[in-house]
mmCIF file of all heavy atoms, coordinates in Angstrom:
data_MODEL
# 
_entry.id   MODEL 
# 
loop_
_atom_site.group_PDB 
_atom_site.id 
_atom_site.type_symbol 
_atom_site.label_atom_id 
_atom_site.label_alt_id 
_atom_site.label_comp_id 
_atom_site.label_asym_id 
_atom_site.label_entity_id 
_atom_site.label_seq_id 
_atom_site.pdbx_PDB_ins_code 
_atom_site.Cartn_x 
_atom_site.Cartn_y 
_atom_site.Cartn_z 
_atom_site.occupancy 
_atom_site.B_iso_or_equiv 
_atom_site.pdbx_formal_charge 
_atom_site.auth_seq_id 
_atom_site.auth_comp_id 
_atom_site.auth_asym_id 
_atom_site.auth_atom_id 
_atom_site.pdbx_PDB_model_num 
ATOM 1   N N   . ASN A 1 1  ? -2.291  -4.836  1.860  1.00 0.00 ? 1  ASN A N   1 
ATOM 2   C CA  . ASN A 1 1  ? -2.485  -6.041  2.661  1.00 0.00 ? 1  ASN A CA  1 
ATOM 3   C C   . ASN A 1 1  ? -3.267  -7.097  1.877  1.00 0.00 ? 1  ASN A C   1 
ATOM 4   O O   . ASN A 1 1  ? -3.670  -6.863  0.732  1.00 0.00 ? 1  ASN A O   1 
ATOM 5   C CB  . ASN A 1 1  ? -3.167  -5.714  3.994  1.00 0.00 ? 1  ASN A CB  1 
ATOM 6   C CG  . ASN A 1 1  ? -4.551  -5.090  3.817  1.00 0.00 ? 1  ASN A CG  1 
ATOM 7   O OD1 . ASN A 1 1  ? -5.265  -5.363  2.848  1.00 0.00 ? 1  ASN A OD1 1 
ATOM 8   N ND2 . ASN A 1 1  ? -4.934  -4.237  4.768  1.00 0.00 ? 1  ASN A ND2 1 
ATOM 9   N N   . ASN A 1 2  ? -3.484  -8.247  2.499  1.00 0.00 ? 2  ASN A N   1 
ATOM 10  C CA  . ASN A 1 2  ? -4.111  -9.355  1.765  1.00 0.00 ? 2  ASN A CA  1 
ATOM 11  C C   . ASN A 1 2  ? -5.615  -9.187  1.579  1.00 0.00 ? 2  ASN A C   1 
ATOM 12  O O   . ASN A 1 2  ? -6.266  -10.023 0.961  1.00 0.00 ? 2  ASN A O   1 
ATOM 13  C CB  . ASN A 1 2  ? -3.810  -10.698 2.455  1.00 0.00 ? 2  ASN A CB  1 
ATOM 14  C CG  . ASN A 1 2  ? -4.519  -10.851 3.788  1.00 0.00 ? 2  ASN A CG  1 
ATOM 15  O OD1 . ASN A 1 2  ? -4.965  -9.875  4.391  1.00 0.00 ? 2  ASN A OD1 1 
ATOM 16  N ND2 . ASN A 1 2  ? -4.601  -12.078 4.282  1.00 0.00 ? 2  ASN A ND2 1 
ATOM 17  N N   . ARG A 1 3  ? -6.163  -8.068  2.090  1.00 0.00 ? 3  ARG A N   1 
ATOM 18  C CA  . ARG A 1 3  ? -7.579  -7.734  1.854  1.00 0.00 ? 3  ARG A CA  1 
ATOM 19  C C   . ARG A 1 3  ? -7.731  -6.739  0.706  1.00 0.00 ? 3  ARG A C   1 
ATOM 20  O O   . ARG A 1 3  ? -8.824  -6.238  0.455  1.00 0.00 ? 3  ARG A O   1 
ATOM 21  C CB  . ARG A 1 3  ? -8.217  -7.144  3.116  1.00 0.00 ? 3  ARG A CB  1 
ATOM 22  C CG  . ARG A 1 3  ? -8.608  -8.193  4.153  1.00 0.00 ? 3  ARG A CG  1 
ATOM 23  C CD  . ARG A 1 3  ? -7.512  -8.430  5.149  1.00 0.00 ? 3  ARG A CD  1 
ATOM 24  N NE  . ARG A 1 3  ? -7.229  -7.262  5.959  1.00 0.00 ? 3  ARG A NE  1 
ATOM 25  C CZ  . ARG A 1 3  ? -6.053  -7.055  6.571  1.00 0.00 ? 3  ARG A CZ  1 
ATOM 26  N NH1 . ARG A 1 3  ? -5.064  -7.928  6.427  1.00 0.00 ? 3  ARG A NH1 1 
ATOM 27  N NH2 . ARG A 1 3  ? -5.856  -5.990  7.308  1.00 0.00 ? 3  ARG A NH2 1 
ATOM 28  N N   . GLY A 1 4  ? -6.629  -6.430  0.034  1.00 0.00 ? 4  GLY A N   1 
ATOM 29  C CA  . GLY A 1 4  ? -6.697  -5.557  -1.125 1.00 0.00 ? 4  GLY A CA  1 
ATOM 30  C C   . GLY A 1 4  ? -6.755  -4.083  -0.794 1.00 0.00 ? 4  GLY A C   1 
ATOM 31  O O   . GLY A 1 4  ? -7.152  -3.272  -1.639 1.00 0.00 ? 4  GLY A O   1 
ATOM 32  N N   . ARG A 1 5  ? -6.366  -3.733  0.413  1.00 0.00 ? 5  ARG A N   1 
ATOM 33  C CA  . ARG A 1 5  ? -6.384  -2.335  0.821  1.00 0.00 ? 5  ARG A CA  1 
ATOM 34  C C   . ARG A 1 5  ? -4.963  -1.859  1.119  1.00 0.00 ? 5  ARG A C   1 
ATOM 35  O O   . ARG A 1 5  ? -4.092  -2.651  1.480  1.00 0.00 ? 5  ARG A O   1 
ATOM 36  C CB  . ARG A 1 5  ? -7.265  -2.133  2.062  1.00 0.00 ? 5  ARG A CB  1 
ATOM 37  C CG  . ARG A 1 5  ? -8.728  -2.458  1.806  1.00 0.00 ? 5  ARG A CG  1 
ATOM 38  C CD  . ARG A 1 5  ? -9.554  -2.386  3.084  1.00 0.00 ? 5  ARG A CD  1 
ATOM 39  N NE  . ARG A 1 5  ? -10.959 -2.696  2.811  1.00 0.00 ? 5  ARG A NE  1 
ATOM 40  C CZ  . ARG A 1 5  ? -11.881 -1.800  2.526  1.00 0.00 ? 5  ARG A CZ  1 
ATOM 41  N NH1 . ARG A 1 5  ? -11.561 -0.517  2.490  1.00 0.00 ? 5  ARG A NH1 1 
ATOM 42  N NH2 . ARG A 1 5  ? -13.122 -2.152  2.297  1.00 0.00 ? 5  ARG A NH2 1 
ATOM 43  N N   . LEU A 1 6  ? -4.747  -0.561  1.002  1.00 0.00 ? 6  LEU A N   1 
ATOM 44  C CA  . LEU A 1 6  ? -3.456  -0.003  1.347  1.00 0.00 ? 6  LEU A CA  1 
ATOM 45  C C   . LEU A 1 6  ? -3.183  -0.274  2.824  1.00 0.00 ? 6  LEU A C   1 
ATOM 46  O O   . LEU A 1 6  ? -4.053  -0.097  3.674  1.00 0.00 ? 6  LEU A O   1 
ATOM 47  C CB  . LEU A 1 6  ? -3.442  1.506   1.070  1.00 0.00 ? 6  LEU A CB  1 
ATOM 48  C CG  . LEU A 1 6  ? -2.091  2.143   0.754  1.00 0.00 ? 6  LEU A CG  1 
ATOM 49  C CD1 . LEU A 1 6  ? -1.532  1.596   -0.557 1.00 0.00 ? 6  LEU A CD1 1 
ATOM 50  C CD2 . LEU A 1 6  ? -2.231  3.651   0.668  1.00 0.00 ? 6  LEU A CD2 1 
ATOM 51  N N   . SER A 1 7  ? -1.991  -0.740  3.137  1.00 0.00 ? 7  SER A N   1 
ATOM 52  C CA  . SER A 1 7  ? -1.632  -1.042  4.528  1.00 0.00 ? 7  SER A CA  1 
ATOM 53  C C   . SER A 1 7  ? -1.736  0.216   5.389  1.00 0.00 ? 7  SER A C   1 
ATOM 54  O O   . SER A 1 7  ? -1.441  1.329   4.931  1.00 0.00 ? 7  SER A O   1 
ATOM 55  C CB  . SER A 1 7  ? -0.208  -1.590  4.603  1.00 0.00 ? 7  SER A CB  1 
ATOM 56  O OG  . SER A 1 7  ? -0.071  -2.787  3.877  1.00 0.00 ? 7  SER A OG  1 
ATOM 57  N N   . ASP A 1 8  ? -2.118  0.038   6.641  1.00 0.00 ? 8  ASP A N   1 
ATOM 58  C CA  . ASP A 1 8  ? -2.274  1.177   7.542  1.00 0.00 ? 8  ASP A CA  1 
ATOM 59  C C   . ASP A 1 8  ? -0.969  1.959   7.685  1.00 0.00 ? 8  ASP A C   1 
ATOM 60  O O   . ASP A 1 8  ? -0.987  3.183   7.830  1.00 0.00 ? 8  ASP A O   1 
ATOM 61  C CB  . ASP A 1 8  ? -2.744  0.709   8.919  1.00 0.00 ? 8  ASP A CB  1 
ATOM 62  C CG  . ASP A 1 8  ? -4.180  0.211   8.920  1.00 0.00 ? 8  ASP A CG  1 
ATOM 63  O OD1 . ASP A 1 8  ? -4.924  0.570   7.978  1.00 0.00 ? 8  ASP A OD1 1 
ATOM 64  O OD2 . ASP A 1 8  ? -4.555  -0.534  9.842  1.00 0.00 ? 8  ASP A OD2 1 
ATOM 65  N N   . PHE A 1 9  ? 0.164   1.257   7.658  1.00 0.00 ? 9  PHE A N   1 
ATOM 66  C CA  . PHE A 1 9  ? 1.445   1.933   7.865  1.00 0.00 ? 9  PHE A CA  1 
ATOM 67  C C   . PHE A 1 9  ? 1.974   2.596   6.604  1.00 0.00 ? 9  PHE A C   1 
ATOM 68  O O   . PHE A 1 9  ? 2.880   3.432   6.654  1.00 0.00 ? 9  PHE A O   1 
ATOM 69  C CB  . PHE A 1 9  ? 2.497   0.948   8.391  1.00 0.00 ? 9  PHE A CB  1 
ATOM 70  C CG  . PHE A 1 9  ? 2.719   -0.250  7.494  1.00 0.00 ? 9  PHE A CG  1 
ATOM 71  C CD1 . PHE A 1 9  ? 3.459   -0.143  6.323  1.00 0.00 ? 9  PHE A CD1 1 
ATOM 72  C CD2 . PHE A 1 9  ? 2.188   -1.488  7.838  1.00 0.00 ? 9  PHE A CD2 1 
ATOM 73  C CE1 . PHE A 1 9  ? 3.660   -1.240  5.501  1.00 0.00 ? 9  PHE A CE1 1 
ATOM 74  C CE2 . PHE A 1 9  ? 2.383   -2.588  7.026  1.00 0.00 ? 9  PHE A CE2 1 
ATOM 75  C CZ  . PHE A 1 9  ? 3.126   -2.470  5.852  1.00 0.00 ? 9  PHE A CZ  1 
ATOM 76  N N   . SER A 1 10 ? 1.428   2.230   5.445  1.00 0.00 ? 10 SER A N   1 
ATOM 77  C CA  . SER A 1 10 ? 2.009   2.685   4.187  1.00 0.00 ? 10 SER A CA  1 
ATOM 78  C C   . SER A 1 10 ? 1.815   4.176   3.957  1.00 0.00 ? 10 SER A C   1 
ATOM 79  O O   . SER A 1 10 ? 0.735   4.729   4.180  1.00 0.00 ? 10 SER A O   1 
ATOM 80  C CB  . SER A 1 10 ? 1.395   1.924   3.011  1.00 0.00 ? 10 SER A CB  1 
ATOM 81  O OG  . SER A 1 10 ? 1.941   2.364   1.778  1.00 0.00 ? 10 SER A OG  1 
ATOM 82  N N   . ASN A 1 11 ? 2.879   4.837   3.488  1.00 0.00 ? 11 ASN A N   1 
ATOM 83  C CA  . ASN A 1 11 ? 2.706   6.197   2.977  1.00 0.00 ? 11 ASN A CA  1 
ATOM 84  C C   . ASN A 1 11 ? 1.856   6.150   1.706  1.00 0.00 ? 11 ASN A C   1 
ATOM 85  O O   . ASN A 1 11 ? 1.751   5.108   1.054  1.00 0.00 ? 11 ASN A O   1 
ATOM 86  C CB  . ASN A 1 11 ? 4.057   6.843   2.674  1.00 0.00 ? 11 ASN A CB  1 
ATOM 87  C CG  . ASN A 1 11 ? 4.812   7.220   3.937  1.00 0.00 ? 11 ASN A CG  1 
ATOM 88  O OD1 . ASN A 1 11 ? 4.388   6.913   5.052  1.00 0.00 ? 11 ASN A OD1 1 
ATOM 89  N ND2 . ASN A 1 11 ? 5.948   7.871   3.763  1.00 0.00 ? 11 ASN A ND2 1 
ATOM 90  N N   . TYR A 1 12 ? 1.279   7.269   1.366  1.00 0.00 ? 12 TYR A N   1 
ATOM 91  C CA  . TYR A 1 12 ? 0.383   7.330   0.212  1.00 0.00 ? 12 TYR A CA  1 
ATOM 92  C C   . TYR A 1 12 ? 0.592   8.666   -0.490 1.00 0.00 ? 12 TYR A C   1 
ATOM 93  O O   . TYR A 1 12 ? 1.453   9.469   -0.104 1.00 0.00 ? 12 TYR A O   1 
ATOM 94  C CB  . TYR A 1 12 ? -1.072  7.151   0.649  1.00 0.00 ? 12 TYR A CB  1 
ATOM 95  C CG  . TYR A 1 12 ? -1.498  8.133   1.723  1.00 0.00 ? 12 TYR A CG  1 
ATOM 96  C CD1 . TYR A 1 12 ? -2.114  9.339   1.391  1.00 0.00 ? 12 TYR A CD1 1 
ATOM 97  C CD2 . TYR A 1 12 ? -1.266  7.853   3.076  1.00 0.00 ? 12 TYR A CD2 1 
ATOM 98  C CE1 . TYR A 1 12 ? -2.487  10.246  2.376  1.00 0.00 ? 12 TYR A CE1 1 
ATOM 99  C CE2 . TYR A 1 12 ? -1.635  8.758   4.065  1.00 0.00 ? 12 TYR A CE2 1 
ATOM 100 C CZ  . TYR A 1 12 ? -2.242  9.948   3.711  1.00 0.00 ? 12 TYR A CZ  1 
ATOM 101 O OH  . TYR A 1 12 ? -2.606  10.848  4.678  1.00 0.00 ? 12 TYR A OH  1 
ATOM 102 N N   . GLY A 1 13 ? -0.190  8.944   -1.502 1.00 0.00 ? 13 GLY A N   1 
ATOM 103 C CA  . GLY A 1 13 ? -0.081  10.198  -2.238 1.00 0.00 ? 13 GLY A CA  1 
ATOM 104 C C   . GLY A 1 13 ? -0.709  10.046  -3.610 1.00 0.00 ? 13 GLY A C   1 
ATOM 105 O O   . GLY A 1 13 ? -0.243  9.244   -4.409 1.00 0.00 ? 13 GLY A O   1 
ATOM 106 N N   . ARG A 1 14 ? -1.740  10.817  -3.864 1.00 0.00 ? 14 ARG A N   1 
ATOM 107 C CA  . ARG A 1 14 ? -2.456  10.710  -5.142 1.00 0.00 ? 14 ARG A CA  1 
ATOM 108 C C   . ARG A 1 14 ? -1.566  11.067  -6.326 1.00 0.00 ? 14 ARG A C   1 
ATOM 109 O O   . ARG A 1 14 ? -1.831  10.662  -7.455 1.00 0.00 ? 14 ARG A O   1 
ATOM 110 C CB  . ARG A 1 14 ? -3.679  11.638  -5.133 1.00 0.00 ? 14 ARG A CB  1 
ATOM 111 C CG  . ARG A 1 14 ? -4.778  11.204  -4.198 1.00 0.00 ? 14 ARG A CG  1 
ATOM 112 C CD  . ARG A 1 14 ? -5.491  9.945   -4.675 1.00 0.00 ? 14 ARG A CD  1 
ATOM 113 N NE  . ARG A 1 14 ? -6.236  10.151  -5.901 1.00 0.00 ? 14 ARG A NE  1 
ATOM 114 C CZ  . ARG A 1 14 ? -6.071  9.469   -7.007 1.00 0.00 ? 14 ARG A CZ  1 
ATOM 115 N NH1 . ARG A 1 14 ? -5.141  8.538   -7.087 1.00 0.00 ? 14 ARG A NH1 1 
ATOM 116 N NH2 . ARG A 1 14 ? -6.805  9.707   -8.073 1.00 0.00 ? 14 ARG A NH2 1 
ATOM 117 N N   . TYR A 1 15 ? -0.502  11.809  -6.071 1.00 0.00 ? 15 TYR A N   1 
ATOM 118 C CA  . TYR A 1 15 ? 0.357   12.240  -7.169 1.00 0.00 ? 15 TYR A CA  1 
ATOM 119 C C   . TYR A 1 15 ? 1.814   11.839  -6.974 1.00 0.00 ? 15 TYR A C   1 
ATOM 120 O O   . TYR A 1 15 ? 2.650   12.138  -7.819 1.00 0.00 ? 15 TYR A O   1 
ATOM 121 C CB  . TYR A 1 15 ? 0.259   13.765  -7.322 1.00 0.00 ? 15 TYR A CB  1 
ATOM 122 C CG  . TYR A 1 15 ? -1.175  14.234  -7.438 1.00 0.00 ? 15 TYR A CG  1 
ATOM 123 C CD1 . TYR A 1 15 ? -1.818  14.833  -6.362 1.00 0.00 ? 15 TYR A CD1 1 
ATOM 124 C CD2 . TYR A 1 15 ? -1.895  14.044  -8.605 1.00 0.00 ? 15 TYR A CD2 1 
ATOM 125 C CE1 . TYR A 1 15 ? -3.142  15.231  -6.453 1.00 0.00 ? 15 TYR A CE1 1 
ATOM 126 C CE2 . TYR A 1 15 ? -3.219  14.444  -8.707 1.00 0.00 ? 15 TYR A CE2 1 
ATOM 127 C CZ  . TYR A 1 15 ? -3.835  15.037  -7.624 1.00 0.00 ? 15 TYR A CZ  1 
ATOM 128 O OH  . TYR A 1 15 ? -5.144  15.430  -7.723 1.00 0.00 ? 15 TYR A OH  1 
ATOM 129 N N   . SER A 1 16 ? 2.130   11.171  -5.875 1.00 0.00 ? 16 SER A N   1 
ATOM 130 C CA  . SER A 1 16 ? 3.535   10.875  -5.582 1.00 0.00 ? 16 SER A CA  1 
ATOM 131 C C   . SER A 1 16 ? 3.830   9.401   -5.339 1.00 0.00 ? 16 SER A C   1 
ATOM 132 O O   . SER A 1 16 ? 4.999   9.002   -5.375 1.00 0.00 ? 16 SER A O   1 
ATOM 133 C CB  . SER A 1 16 ? 3.999   11.687  -4.364 1.00 0.00 ? 16 SER A CB  1 
ATOM 134 O OG  . SER A 1 16 ? 3.156   11.428  -3.255 1.00 0.00 ? 16 SER A OG  1 
ATOM 135 N N   . VAL A 1 17 ? 2.822   8.593   -5.075 1.00 0.00 ? 17 VAL A N   1 
ATOM 136 C CA  . VAL A 1 17 ? 3.015   7.143   -4.919 1.00 0.00 ? 17 VAL A CA  1 
ATOM 137 C C   . VAL A 1 17 ? 2.363   6.470   -6.116 1.00 0.00 ? 17 VAL A C   1 
ATOM 138 O O   . VAL A 1 17 ? 1.154   6.588   -6.319 1.00 0.00 ? 17 VAL A O   1 
ATOM 139 C CB  . VAL A 1 17 ? 2.428   6.633   -3.589 1.00 0.00 ? 17 VAL A CB  1 
ATOM 140 C CG1 . VAL A 1 17 ? 2.614   5.122   -3.479 1.00 0.00 ? 17 VAL A CG1 1 
ATOM 141 C CG2 . VAL A 1 17 ? 3.089   7.337   -2.408 1.00 0.00 ? 17 VAL A CG2 1 
ATOM 142 N N   . ASP A 1 18 ? 3.160   5.778   -6.910 1.00 0.00 ? 18 ASP A N   1 
ATOM 143 C CA  . ASP A 1 18 ? 2.702   5.323   -8.222 1.00 0.00 ? 18 ASP A CA  1 
ATOM 144 C C   . ASP A 1 18 ? 1.807   4.099   -8.177 1.00 0.00 ? 18 ASP A C   1 
ATOM 145 O O   . ASP A 1 18 ? 0.735   4.074   -8.790 1.00 0.00 ? 18 ASP A O   1 
ATOM 146 C CB  . ASP A 1 18 ? 3.911   5.035   -9.117 1.00 0.00 ? 18 ASP A CB  1 
ATOM 147 C CG  . ASP A 1 18 ? 4.734   6.281   -9.381 1.00 0.00 ? 18 ASP A CG  1 
ATOM 148 O OD1 . ASP A 1 18 ? 4.129   7.341   -9.637 1.00 0.00 ? 18 ASP A OD1 1 
ATOM 149 O OD2 . ASP A 1 18 ? 5.966   6.203   -9.324 1.00 0.00 ? 18 ASP A OD2 1 
ATOM 150 N N   . VAL A 1 19 ? 2.250   3.057   -7.487 1.00 0.00 ? 19 VAL A N   1 
ATOM 151 C CA  . VAL A 1 19 ? 1.508   1.793   -7.456 1.00 0.00 ? 19 VAL A CA  1 
ATOM 152 C C   . VAL A 1 19 ? 1.615   1.182   -6.069 1.00 0.00 ? 19 VAL A C   1 
ATOM 153 O O   . VAL A 1 19 ? 2.403   1.628   -5.236 1.00 0.00 ? 19 VAL A O   1 
ATOM 154 C CB  . VAL A 1 19 ? 2.060   0.776   -8.498 1.00 0.00 ? 19 VAL A CB  1 
ATOM 155 C CG1 . VAL A 1 19 ? 1.869   1.278   -9.913 1.00 0.00 ? 19 VAL A CG1 1 
ATOM 156 C CG2 . VAL A 1 19 ? 3.527   0.471   -8.228 1.00 0.00 ? 19 VAL A CG2 1 
ATOM 157 N N   . ALA A 1 20 ? 0.822   0.141   -5.851 1.00 0.00 ? 20 ALA A N   1 
ATOM 158 C CA  . ALA A 1 20 ? 0.909   -0.637  -4.618 1.00 0.00 ? 20 ALA A CA  1 
ATOM 159 C C   . ALA A 1 20 ? 1.258   -2.073  -4.964 1.00 0.00 ? 20 ALA A C   1 
ATOM 160 O O   . ALA A 1 20 ? 1.018   -2.543  -6.084 1.00 0.00 ? 20 ALA A O   1 
ATOM 161 C CB  . ALA A 1 20 ? -0.407  -0.583  -3.849 1.00 0.00 ? 20 ALA A CB  1 
ATOM 162 N N   . ALA A 1 21 ? 1.823   -2.784  -3.978 1.00 0.00 ? 21 ALA A N   1 
ATOM 163 C CA  . ALA A 1 21 ? 2.146   -4.199  -4.120 1.00 0.00 ? 21 ALA A CA  1 
ATOM 164 C C   . ALA A 1 21 ? 2.055   -4.842  -2.741 1.00 0.00 ? 21 ALA A C   1 
ATOM 165 O O   . ALA A 1 21 ? 2.072   -4.140  -1.721 1.00 0.00 ? 21 ALA A O   1 
ATOM 166 C CB  . ALA A 1 21 ? 3.543   -4.381  -4.714 1.00 0.00 ? 21 ALA A CB  1 
ATOM 167 N N   . PRO A 1 22 ? 1.943   -6.160  -2.666 1.00 0.00 ? 22 PRO A N   1 
ATOM 168 C CA  . PRO A 1 22 ? 1.876   -6.824  -1.361 1.00 0.00 ? 22 PRO A CA  1 
ATOM 169 C C   . PRO A 1 22 ? 3.075   -6.467  -0.492 1.00 0.00 ? 22 PRO A C   1 
ATOM 170 O O   . PRO A 1 22 ? 4.231   -6.596  -0.924 1.00 0.00 ? 22 PRO A O   1 
ATOM 171 C CB  . PRO A 1 22 ? 1.870   -8.304  -1.735 1.00 0.00 ? 22 PRO A CB  1 
ATOM 172 C CG  . PRO A 1 22 ? 1.269   -8.341  -3.111 1.00 0.00 ? 22 PRO A CG  1 
ATOM 173 C CD  . PRO A 1 22 ? 1.785   -7.115  -3.783 1.00 0.00 ? 22 PRO A CD  1 
ATOM 174 N N   . GLY A 1 23 ? 2.802   -5.994  0.736  1.00 0.00 ? 23 GLY A N   1 
ATOM 175 C CA  . GLY A 1 23 ? 3.893   -5.609  1.612  1.00 0.00 ? 23 GLY A CA  1 
ATOM 176 C C   . GLY A 1 23 ? 3.643   -5.915  3.074  1.00 0.00 ? 23 GLY A C   1 
ATOM 177 O O   . GLY A 1 23 ? 4.440   -5.558  3.932  1.00 0.00 ? 23 GLY A O   1 
ATOM 178 N N   . GLU A 1 24 ? 2.550   -6.578  3.343  1.00 0.00 ? 24 GLU A N   1 
ATOM 179 C CA  . GLU A 1 24 ? 2.188   -6.847  4.736  1.00 0.00 ? 24 GLU A CA  1 
ATOM 180 C C   . GLU A 1 24 ? 2.214   -8.349  4.995  1.00 0.00 ? 24 GLU A C   1 
ATOM 181 O O   . GLU A 1 24 ? 1.583   -9.124  4.283  1.00 0.00 ? 24 GLU A O   1 
ATOM 182 C CB  . GLU A 1 24 ? 0.789   -6.269  5.019  1.00 0.00 ? 24 GLU A CB  1 
ATOM 183 C CG  . GLU A 1 24 ? 0.442   -6.150  6.482  1.00 0.00 ? 24 GLU A CG  1 
ATOM 184 C CD  . GLU A 1 24 ? -0.784  -5.276  6.722  1.00 0.00 ? 24 GLU A CD  1 
ATOM 185 O OE1 . GLU A 1 24 ? -1.049  -4.360  5.910  1.00 0.00 ? 24 GLU A OE1 1 
ATOM 186 O OE2 . GLU A 1 24 ? -1.487  -5.516  7.716  1.00 0.00 ? 24 GLU A OE2 1 
ATOM 187 N N   . ASN A 1 25 ? 2.969   -8.764  6.021  1.00 0.00 ? 25 ASN A N   1 
ATOM 188 C CA  . ASN A 1 25 ? 3.107   -10.187 6.355  1.00 0.00 ? 25 ASN A CA  1 
ATOM 189 C C   . ASN A 1 25 ? 3.607   -10.993 5.159  1.00 0.00 ? 25 ASN A C   1 
ATOM 190 O O   . ASN A 1 25 ? 2.958   -11.937 4.694  1.00 0.00 ? 25 ASN A O   1 
ATOM 191 C CB  . ASN A 1 25 ? 1.782   -10.749 6.873  1.00 0.00 ? 25 ASN A CB  1 
ATOM 192 C CG  . ASN A 1 25 ? 1.359   -10.108 8.180  1.00 0.00 ? 25 ASN A CG  1 
ATOM 193 O OD1 . ASN A 1 25 ? 2.182   -9.896  9.073  1.00 0.00 ? 25 ASN A OD1 1 
ATOM 194 N ND2 . ASN A 1 25 ? 0.087   -9.771  8.298  1.00 0.00 ? 25 ASN A ND2 1 
ATOM 195 N N   . ILE A 1 26 ? 4.773   -10.606 4.669  1.00 0.00 ? 26 ILE A N   1 
ATOM 196 C CA  . ILE A 1 26 ? 5.376   -11.234 3.488  1.00 0.00 ? 26 ILE A CA  1 
ATOM 197 C C   . ILE A 1 26 ? 6.435   -12.238 3.920  1.00 0.00 ? 26 ILE A C   1 
ATOM 198 O O   . ILE A 1 26 ? 7.399   -11.886 4.613  1.00 0.00 ? 26 ILE A O   1 
ATOM 199 C CB  . ILE A 1 26 ? 5.995   -10.172 2.560  1.00 0.00 ? 26 ILE A CB  1 
ATOM 200 C CG1 . ILE A 1 26 ? 4.930   -9.166  2.131  1.00 0.00 ? 26 ILE A CG1 1 
ATOM 201 C CG2 . ILE A 1 26 ? 6.656   -10.834 1.361  1.00 0.00 ? 26 ILE A CG2 1 
ATOM 202 C CD1 . ILE A 1 26 ? 3.757   -9.764  1.394  1.00 0.00 ? 26 ILE A CD1 1 
# 
């Protein structure tokens, strides 16, 4: 999100999700 945090809805994973990018209110 625009506060620099992983979006609440986003899946995550220390070993399976590689990077993040803006995806909230785009």
